[in-house]
């Protein structure tokens, strides 16, 4: 499939030089690079954020907004 990709002039020159050194085409270099990026992202474990939440001491879900606001500002003159 044909497609158009814009890359920097410097990167294109490096890719062309590498293709010439390997006696291959620019297309092969680009395909090899894309395959490498895709393979490395597939093998990398997904980031999982640690659970640092506080549990059990929060207001009950049945509280109204006014009740929650009063709990937050209790003793602060509001």
N, C-alpha and C. Protein backbone atom coordinates (compact mmCIF):
# COMPACT_ATOMS: atom_id res chain seq x y z
N UNK A 1 0.84 -1.16 0.00
CA UNK A 1 0.00 0.00 0.00
C UNK A 1 0.89 1.23 0.00
N UNK A 2 0.50 2.23 -0.74
CA UNK A 2 1.26 3.47 -0.76
C UNK A 2 0.69 4.42 0.26
N UNK A 3 1.58 5.18 0.88
CA UNK A 3 1.17 6.21 1.82
C UNK A 3 2.22 7.31 1.83
N UNK A 4 1.85 8.45 2.36
CA UNK A 4 2.78 9.57 2.46
C UNK A 4 3.07 9.82 3.92
N UNK A 5 4.34 9.93 4.25
CA UNK A 5 4.77 10.20 5.63
C UNK A 5 5.76 11.34 5.58
N UNK A 6 5.56 12.31 6.45
CA UNK A 6 6.51 13.42 6.52
C UNK A 6 7.48 13.17 7.66
N UNK A 7 8.77 13.17 7.33
CA UNK A 7 9.82 13.01 8.33
C UNK A 7 10.86 14.11 8.11
N UNK A 8 11.69 14.31 9.10
CA UNK A 8 12.70 15.37 8.98
C UNK A 8 13.72 15.02 7.90
N UNK A 9 14.28 16.06 7.32
CA UNK A 9 15.28 15.86 6.27
C UNK A 9 16.48 15.08 6.78
N UNK A 10 16.91 15.39 8.01
CA UNK A 10 18.09 14.72 8.57
C UNK A 10 17.83 13.22 8.75
N UNK A 11 16.63 12.88 9.24
CA UNK A 11 16.30 11.47 9.43
C UNK A 11 16.21 10.73 8.10
N UNK A 12 15.65 11.39 7.11
CA UNK A 12 15.57 10.79 5.78
C UNK A 12 16.96 10.52 5.21
N UNK A 13 17.86 11.47 5.37
CA UNK A 13 19.23 11.28 4.88
C UNK A 13 19.91 10.11 5.59
N UNK A 14 19.72 10.01 6.89
CA UNK A 14 20.31 8.89 7.64
C UNK A 14 19.75 7.56 7.15
N UNK A 15 18.44 7.53 6.91
CA UNK A 15 17.81 6.30 6.44
C UNK A 15 18.32 5.92 5.06
N UNK A 16 18.48 6.90 4.19
CA UNK A 16 19.02 6.64 2.85
C UNK A 16 20.45 6.11 2.92
N UNK A 17 21.26 6.72 3.79
CA UNK A 17 22.64 6.25 3.95
C UNK A 17 22.69 4.82 4.46
N UNK A 18 21.81 4.51 5.43
CA UNK A 18 21.77 3.15 5.97
C UNK A 18 21.34 2.17 4.89
N UNK A 19 20.37 2.55 4.10
CA UNK A 19 19.92 1.68 3.00
C UNK A 19 21.06 1.42 2.02
N UNK A 20 21.82 2.46 1.71
CA UNK A 20 22.94 2.29 0.78
C UNK A 20 24.01 1.38 1.37
N UNK A 21 24.30 1.57 2.67
CA UNK A 21 25.30 0.71 3.33
C UNK A 21 24.88 -0.75 3.32
N UNK A 22 23.60 -1.00 3.50
CA UNK A 22 23.08 -2.37 3.54
C UNK A 22 22.72 -2.90 2.16
N UNK A 23 22.88 -2.04 1.16
CA UNK A 23 22.54 -2.43 -0.21
C UNK A 23 21.08 -2.89 -0.29
N UNK A 24 20.20 -2.08 0.28
CA UNK A 24 18.78 -2.37 0.28
C UNK A 24 18.01 -1.09 -0.05
N UNK A 25 16.70 -1.14 0.06
CA UNK A 25 15.88 0.02 -0.30
C UNK A 25 15.47 0.82 0.95
N UNK A 26 15.11 2.07 0.69
CA UNK A 26 14.58 2.90 1.76
C UNK A 26 13.31 2.28 2.33
N UNK A 27 12.50 1.71 1.46
CA UNK A 27 11.27 1.05 1.90
C UNK A 27 11.57 -0.04 2.92
N UNK A 28 12.60 -0.84 2.67
CA UNK A 28 12.96 -1.92 3.60
C UNK A 28 13.38 -1.36 4.96
N UNK A 29 14.11 -0.27 4.94
CA UNK A 29 14.57 0.35 6.19
C UNK A 29 13.37 0.86 6.99
N UNK A 30 12.44 1.53 6.31
CA UNK A 30 11.25 2.06 6.98
C UNK A 30 10.40 0.93 7.54
N UNK A 31 10.18 -0.12 6.75
CA UNK A 31 9.39 -1.26 7.22
C UNK A 31 10.05 -1.94 8.42
N UNK A 32 11.37 -2.09 8.36
CA UNK A 32 12.10 -2.71 9.46
C UNK A 32 11.97 -1.87 10.73
N UNK A 33 12.06 -0.55 10.59
CA UNK A 33 11.93 0.34 11.74
C UNK A 33 10.55 0.28 12.36
N UNK A 34 9.52 0.33 11.51
CA UNK A 34 8.15 0.25 12.02
C UNK A 34 7.89 -1.09 12.72
N UNK A 35 8.36 -2.17 12.11
CA UNK A 35 8.18 -3.49 12.72
C UNK A 35 8.87 -3.56 14.08
N UNK A 36 10.06 -2.96 14.17
CA UNK A 36 10.80 -2.97 15.42
C UNK A 36 10.05 -2.21 16.52
N UNK A 37 9.50 -1.08 16.19
CA UNK A 37 8.74 -0.29 17.17
C UNK A 37 7.50 -1.04 17.62
N UNK A 38 6.80 -1.64 16.68
CA UNK A 38 5.58 -2.38 17.01
C UNK A 38 5.91 -3.60 17.88
N UNK A 39 6.96 -4.32 17.53
CA UNK A 39 7.36 -5.49 18.32
C UNK A 39 7.76 -5.10 19.74
N UNK A 40 8.51 -4.01 19.89
CA UNK A 40 8.97 -3.63 21.23
C UNK A 40 7.81 -3.15 22.10
N UNK A 41 6.80 -2.52 21.49
CA UNK A 41 5.68 -2.06 22.30
C UNK A 41 4.78 -3.22 22.69
N UNK A 42 4.76 -4.27 21.90
CA UNK A 42 3.94 -5.43 22.23
C UNK A 42 4.54 -6.24 23.37
N UNK A 43 5.86 -6.24 23.49
CA UNK A 43 6.51 -7.03 24.53
C UNK A 43 6.68 -6.26 25.83
N UNK A 44 6.53 -4.95 25.77
CA UNK A 44 6.68 -4.14 26.97
C UNK A 44 5.42 -4.26 27.82
N UNK A 45 5.57 -4.53 29.12
CA UNK A 45 4.37 -4.64 29.97
C UNK A 45 3.67 -3.29 30.08
N UNK A 46 2.36 -3.33 30.13
CA UNK A 46 1.59 -2.11 30.26
C UNK A 46 1.81 -1.53 31.64
N UNK A 47 1.86 -0.21 31.72
CA UNK A 47 2.05 0.47 32.99
C UNK A 47 0.79 0.33 33.83
N UNK A 48 0.96 -0.03 35.10
CA UNK A 48 -0.17 -0.13 36.00
C UNK A 48 0.09 0.79 37.18
N UNK A 49 -0.81 1.72 37.38
CA UNK A 49 -0.66 2.67 38.46
C UNK A 49 -0.94 1.99 39.80
N UNK A 50 -0.11 2.28 40.78
CA UNK A 50 -0.33 1.72 42.10
C UNK A 50 -1.58 2.33 42.71
N UNK A 51 -2.30 1.54 43.48
CA UNK A 51 -3.50 2.04 44.15
C UNK A 51 -3.07 2.70 45.46
N UNK A 52 -3.09 4.01 45.47
CA UNK A 52 -2.72 4.77 46.66
C UNK A 52 -3.93 5.48 47.26
N UNK A 53 -5.11 4.98 46.93
CA UNK A 53 -6.32 5.63 47.42
C UNK A 53 -6.54 5.30 48.90
N UNK A 54 -7.27 6.16 49.56
CA UNK A 54 -7.65 5.94 50.94
C UNK A 54 -9.00 5.25 50.92
N UNK A 55 -9.17 4.24 51.72
CA UNK A 55 -10.44 3.51 51.67
C UNK A 55 -11.13 3.45 53.02
N UNK A 56 -12.43 3.37 52.96
CA UNK A 56 -13.21 3.11 54.16
C UNK A 56 -13.60 4.32 54.98
N UNK A 57 -12.90 5.43 54.89
CA UNK A 57 -13.20 6.55 55.77
C UNK A 57 -13.89 7.71 55.06
N UNK A 58 -14.19 7.55 53.81
CA UNK A 58 -14.84 8.63 53.06
C UNK A 58 -16.32 8.71 53.37
N UNK A 59 -16.95 9.78 52.95
CA UNK A 59 -18.38 9.93 53.20
C UNK A 59 -19.18 8.88 52.44
N UNK A 60 -20.29 8.49 53.01
CA UNK A 60 -21.15 7.48 52.38
C UNK A 60 -21.74 8.06 51.09
N UNK A 61 -21.91 7.24 50.06
CA UNK A 61 -22.41 7.74 48.78
C UNK A 61 -23.80 8.37 48.85
N UNK A 62 -24.60 8.04 49.88
CA UNK A 62 -25.94 8.58 49.95
C UNK A 62 -25.98 10.00 50.49
N UNK A 63 -24.87 10.59 50.84
CA UNK A 63 -24.83 11.96 51.34
C UNK A 63 -25.12 12.93 50.20
N UNK A 64 -25.75 14.02 50.52
CA UNK A 64 -26.00 15.06 49.52
C UNK A 64 -24.74 15.90 49.37
N UNK A 65 -24.70 16.70 48.28
CA UNK A 65 -23.55 17.57 48.07
C UNK A 65 -23.38 18.56 49.23
N UNK A 66 -24.48 19.06 49.73
CA UNK A 66 -24.42 20.02 50.84
C UNK A 66 -23.81 19.37 52.08
N UNK A 67 -24.19 18.12 52.36
CA UNK A 67 -23.63 17.41 53.51
C UNK A 67 -22.13 17.15 53.33
N UNK A 68 -21.75 16.77 52.13
CA UNK A 68 -20.32 16.51 51.86
C UNK A 68 -19.53 17.81 52.00
N UNK A 69 -20.05 18.92 51.43
CA UNK A 69 -19.38 20.21 51.54
C UNK A 69 -19.25 20.64 53.00
N UNK A 70 -20.29 20.44 53.79
CA UNK A 70 -20.23 20.80 55.21
C UNK A 70 -19.18 19.97 55.94
N UNK A 71 -19.04 18.68 55.56
CA UNK A 71 -18.02 17.82 56.19
C UNK A 71 -16.62 18.31 55.84
N UNK A 72 -16.42 18.74 54.59
CA UNK A 72 -15.11 19.19 54.15
C UNK A 72 -14.69 20.46 54.89
N UNK A 73 -15.62 21.39 55.04
CA UNK A 73 -15.29 22.69 55.63
C UNK A 73 -15.59 22.79 57.11
N UNK A 74 -15.93 21.69 57.75
CA UNK A 74 -16.25 21.69 59.18
C UNK A 74 -15.05 22.23 59.99
N UNK A 75 -15.34 23.24 60.84
CA UNK A 75 -14.28 23.80 61.68
C UNK A 75 -13.40 24.80 60.97
N UNK A 76 -13.72 25.20 59.77
CA UNK A 76 -12.90 26.14 59.01
C UNK A 76 -13.60 27.49 58.83
N UNK A 77 -14.68 27.71 59.56
CA UNK A 77 -15.34 28.99 59.50
C UNK A 77 -16.21 29.19 58.29
N UNK A 78 -16.51 28.13 57.58
CA UNK A 78 -17.37 28.29 56.38
C UNK A 78 -18.77 27.84 56.66
